[in-house]
Amino acid sequence: MKESMSCLAKYQALARELDINIIPGTLCESYTGERGEEELKNVAYFLAAGTGDICGSYQKKNLWHPERPYLTPGRDPHLAFGTPLKDINGKSLRAGLLICWDLTFPEGFRALVQDGADLIIIPAYWSTAGGEDIRQLNGDAETVFLDSVLTARAFENNAVVVFCNAGGLSRVTLPILGSLGSIPPGEDKVEVFDVDLDVLRVAEERYKIRKDMQSLEWQYK
């Protein structure tokens, strides 16, 4: 997919020019698989402000059912990475990437948090229309799904969750505060949200989720 790599280079140039961090959605890339056959993967990148360097990348693991005949799921461990963003102590903020349907599974979040991620960014194309069978039961089912799971992931991992969705609801969610702001389905716009990372400190002091996860007595290792 030469077009994908050309697109990535353009976004890197934009990150340098505008001095902003960019996660340019996801890109489909071709590569030679273990059997020597050409395969496709869906990849997200975090591009650094000012340099355009790739701070981290992630190949989608949990493929939506119609994607499975065409895309190869990622097999590498979920890893967090350093970014140019700074936390309240001036320390480099560690982030992690997931893609769309990965949101459904808490295991990916747990792995990223155990690797130090405070910020988890999820580019997506998740339609809030749902299927006809779903709509007959609840026309707002997909919105309820996203609202519930985004809130749960932020609280249960003590992390900032940024869900940027080209197909429907987008949202920034924090523990304690819940939704910091949303872009509803059907609106094509840019929003800027100020995220107070000190909320994570307060949440950790109250719930001690990460402390428990790092404990020798943690039950789910």
Protein backbone atom coordinates (compact mmCIF):
# COMPACT_ATOMS: atom_id res chain seq x y z
CA MET A 1 0.00 0.00 0.00
CA LYS A 2 2.25 2.78 -1.27
CA GLU A 3 -0.58 5.26 -0.76
CA SER A 4 -0.67 4.51 2.97
CA MET A 5 3.03 5.14 3.48
CA SER A 6 2.84 8.31 1.39
CA CYS A 7 -0.05 9.45 3.56
CA LEU A 8 1.94 8.73 6.73
CA ALA A 9 4.87 10.80 5.46
CA LYS A 10 2.52 13.72 4.80
CA TYR A 11 1.15 13.56 8.32
CA GLN A 12 4.70 13.45 9.68
CA ALA A 13 5.48 16.61 7.73
CA LEU A 14 2.32 18.20 9.14
CA ALA A 15 3.34 17.31 12.71
CA ARG A 16 6.67 19.03 12.09
CA GLU A 17 5.15 22.08 10.43
CA LEU A 18 2.36 22.69 12.95
CA ASP A 19 4.27 21.42 15.99
CA ILE A 20 1.39 19.21 17.12
CA ASN A 21 1.10 15.54 17.99
CA ILE A 22 -0.96 13.65 15.42
CA ILE A 23 -2.63 10.24 15.39
CA PRO A 24 -3.76 10.07 11.75
CA GLY A 25 -6.58 7.57 12.15
CA THR A 26 -5.45 4.16 10.92
CA LEU A 27 -3.67 3.03 7.77
CA CYS A 28 -3.97 -0.29 5.93
CA GLU A 29 -0.51 -1.58 5.07
CA SER A 30 0.61 -4.60 3.07
CA TYR A 31 3.44 -6.86 4.20
CA THR A 32 4.76 -10.34 3.56
CA GLY A 33 3.39 -12.82 6.08
CA GLU A 34 5.07 -15.88 7.59
CA ARG A 35 3.95 -18.02 4.64
CA GLY A 36 5.38 -15.59 2.12
CA GLU A 37 1.95 -14.29 1.11
CA GLU A 38 0.94 -10.65 0.95
CA GLU A 39 -1.23 -9.70 3.91
CA LEU A 40 -2.92 -6.52 5.12
CA LYS A 41 -2.74 -4.99 8.56
CA ASN A 42 -4.53 -2.03 10.13
CA VAL A 43 -2.08 0.23 11.95
CA ALA A 44 -2.30 3.37 14.08
CA TYR A 45 0.65 5.73 14.66
CA PHE A 46 1.47 8.42 17.21
CA LEU A 47 3.50 11.17 15.49
CA ALA A 48 5.52 13.58 17.61
CA ALA A 49 5.02 17.34 17.55
CA GLY A 50 7.89 19.26 16.02
CA THR A 51 9.75 16.26 14.64
CA GLY A 52 7.14 14.00 13.07
CA ASP A 53 8.93 11.03 14.62
CA ILE A 54 6.90 7.88 15.25
CA CYS A 55 6.64 7.60 19.04
CA GLY A 56 4.63 4.41 18.86
CA SER A 57 2.51 2.26 16.58
CA TYR A 58 -0.04 -0.49 17.00
CA GLN A 59 -1.52 -3.16 14.71
CA LYS A 60 -5.17 -3.89 15.43
CA LYS A 61 -5.61 -7.18 17.27
CA ASN A 62 -9.36 -7.57 17.66
CA LEU A 63 -10.81 -7.45 14.16
CA TRP A 64 -14.48 -6.70 13.59
CA HIS A 65 -16.16 -9.74 12.02
CA PRO A 66 -16.41 -8.45 8.41
CA GLU A 67 -12.70 -7.45 8.51
CA ARG A 68 -11.41 -10.93 9.25
CA PRO A 69 -11.31 -12.27 5.68
CA TYR A 70 -9.12 -9.31 4.64
CA LEU A 71 -6.95 -8.19 7.56
CA THR A 72 -4.38 -9.99 9.69
CA PRO A 73 -4.64 -9.37 13.44
CA GLY A 74 -1.64 -8.12 15.35
CA ARG A 75 0.22 -10.59 17.57
CA ASP A 76 2.77 -8.39 19.33
CA PRO A 77 2.25 -7.49 23.01
CA HIS A 78 0.44 -4.27 23.87
CA LEU A 79 3.14 -1.72 24.70
CA ALA A 80 3.00 1.87 25.92
CA PHE A 81 5.47 4.51 24.70
CA GLY A 82 6.84 7.89 25.67
CA THR A 83 5.46 11.05 24.05
CA PRO A 84 6.36 14.76 23.92
CA LEU A 85 3.41 15.40 26.25
CA LYS A 86 4.29 16.14 29.88
CA ASP A 87 2.49 15.19 33.08
CA ILE A 88 2.05 17.50 36.06
CA ASN A 89 5.62 16.81 37.20
CA GLY A 90 7.16 17.53 33.80
CA LYS A 91 7.67 13.84 33.13
CA SER A 92 7.07 12.44 29.64
CA LEU A 93 3.53 11.11 29.45
CA ARG A 94 3.28 7.49 28.42
CA ALA A 95 0.52 6.61 25.99
CA GLY A 96 -0.93 3.58 24.28
CA LEU A 97 -2.93 2.94 21.13
CA LEU A 98 -5.92 0.71 20.44
CA ILE A 99 -8.22 0.60 17.41
CA CYS A 100 -12.02 0.58 17.29
CA TRP A 101 -13.33 -2.87 18.32
CA ASP A 102 -10.37 -3.29 20.72
CA LEU A 103 -12.40 -1.04 23.03
CA THR A 104 -14.66 -4.00 23.80
CA PHE A 105 -11.93 -6.03 25.48
CA PRO A 106 -10.43 -4.81 28.79
CA GLU A 107 -7.30 -6.95 28.46
CA GLY A 108 -5.62 -4.54 26.02
CA PHE A 109 -6.17 -1.61 28.38
CA ARG A 110 -4.78 -3.57 31.31
CA ALA A 111 -1.63 -4.46 29.37
CA LEU A 112 -1.05 -0.82 28.38
CA VAL A 113 -1.64 0.45 31.91
CA GLN A 114 0.73 -2.15 33.36
CA ASP A 115 3.32 -0.75 30.93
CA GLY A 116 2.76 2.74 32.32
CA ALA A 117 0.20 4.28 29.96
CA ASP A 118 -1.82 7.18 31.39
CA LEU A 119 -3.33 8.14 28.03
CA ILE A 120 -5.01 5.62 25.71
CA ILE A 121 -6.04 6.84 22.26
CA ILE A 122 -8.48 4.88 20.12
CA PRO A 123 -9.11 5.88 16.49
CA ALA A 124 -12.28 4.20 15.26
CA TYR A 125 -15.00 3.90 12.67
CA TRP A 126 -17.83 2.71 14.90
CA SER A 127 -21.28 3.40 13.50
CA THR A 128 -23.90 4.26 16.08
CA ALA A 129 -26.66 3.20 13.70
CA GLY A 130 -26.33 -0.48 14.59
CA GLY A 131 -27.98 -3.35 12.75
CA GLU A 132 -31.71 -3.64 12.18
CA ASP A 133 -32.02 -6.37 14.82
CA ILE A 134 -30.31 -4.11 17.35
CA ARG A 135 -32.40 -1.06 16.43
CA GLN A 136 -35.62 -3.00 16.95
CA LEU A 137 -34.63 -3.55 20.56
CA ASN A 138 -33.03 -0.17 21.22
CA GLY A 139 -32.38 2.54 18.66
CA ASP A 140 -29.68 4.03 20.89
CA ALA A 141 -27.96 0.73 21.70
CA GLU A 142 -24.58 1.57 20.12
CA THR A 143 -24.45 4.94 21.88
CA VAL A 144 -25.31 3.23 25.18
CA PHE A 145 -22.57 0.67 24.46
CA LEU A 146 -19.93 3.32 23.83
CA ASP A 147 -21.02 5.54 26.70
CA SER A 148 -20.91 2.64 29.15
CA VAL A 149 -17.66 1.04 28.02
CA LEU A 150 -15.68 4.28 27.64
CA THR A 151 -16.64 5.30 31.16
CA ALA A 152 -15.80 1.87 32.55
CA ARG A 153 -12.39 1.72 30.84
CA ALA A 154 -11.38 5.14 32.19
CA PHE A 155 -12.41 4.28 35.75
CA GLU A 156 -11.14 0.70 35.91
CA ASN A 157 -7.72 1.64 34.53
CA ASN A 158 -7.34 5.14 36.00
CA ALA A 159 -6.50 6.48 32.54
CA VAL A 160 -7.50 9.18 30.09
CA VAL A 161 -9.37 7.49 27.23
CA VAL A 162 -9.63 9.40 23.95
CA PHE A 163 -12.05 7.78 21.51
CA CYS A 164 -11.88 9.52 18.11
CA ASN A 165 -14.61 8.03 15.97
CA ALA A 166 -15.19 8.86 12.30
CA GLY A 167 -18.39 6.79 12.31
CA GLY A 168 -20.30 8.14 15.28
CA LEU A 169 -19.84 9.25 18.88
CA SER A 170 -16.39 10.60 19.85
CA ARG A 171 -15.48 11.27 23.47
CA VAL A 172 -12.74 12.10 25.98
CA THR A 173 -13.29 10.26 29.27
CA LEU A 174 -11.52 10.43 32.64
CA PRO A 175 -12.01 8.69 35.97
CA ILE A 176 -14.04 10.71 38.50
CA LEU A 177 -15.16 13.23 35.86
CA GLY A 178 -16.59 10.77 33.36
CA SER A 179 -17.12 12.41 29.98
CA LEU A 180 -15.01 15.52 29.53
CA GLY A 181 -16.74 16.25 26.23
CA SER A 182 -18.22 14.57 23.19
CA ILE A 183 -18.87 15.01 19.50
CA PRO A 184 -22.27 13.42 18.79
CA PRO A 185 -23.01 11.15 15.83
CA GLY A 186 -23.51 12.98 12.56
CA GLU A 187 -21.35 16.00 13.43
CA ASP A 188 -18.07 16.57 11.58
CA LYS A 189 -16.06 19.01 13.67
CA VAL A 190 -12.88 19.64 15.62
CA GLU A 191 -12.99 20.06 19.39
CA VAL A 192 -10.18 20.96 21.78
CA PHE A 193 -10.41 19.62 25.33
CA ASP A 194 -8.18 20.61 28.25
CA VAL A 195 -7.28 17.49 30.23
CA ASP A 196 -6.28 17.92 33.87
CA LEU A 197 -3.91 15.03 34.47
CA ASP A 198 -4.01 15.71 38.21
CA VAL A 199 -7.38 13.95 38.15
CA LEU A 200 -5.46 10.70 37.67
CA ARG A 201 -3.49 11.36 40.86
CA VAL A 202 -6.67 12.04 42.83
CA ALA A 203 -8.32 8.91 41.43
CA GLU A 204 -5.30 6.77 42.30
CA GLU A 205 -5.19 8.13 45.84
CA ARG A 206 -8.86 7.29 46.23
CA TYR A 207 -9.19 3.94 44.45
CA LYS A 208 -5.56 2.71 44.39
CA ILE A 209 -6.28 0.64 41.29
CA ARG A 210 -2.75 0.78 39.90
CA LYS A 211 -1.22 0.12 43.30
CA ASP A 212 -3.32 -3.03 43.56
CA MET A 213 -2.35 -4.10 40.04
CA GLN A 214 1.34 -3.79 40.93
CA SER A 215 0.97 -5.63 44.23
CA LEU A 216 2.34 -9.12 44.75
CA GLU A 217 -1.13 -10.04 46.00
CA TRP A 218 -2.78 -8.98 42.72
CA GLN A 219 -5.12 -11.84 41.84
CA TYR A 220 -5.19 -11.61 38.05
CA LYS A 221 -1.58 -11.81 36.87
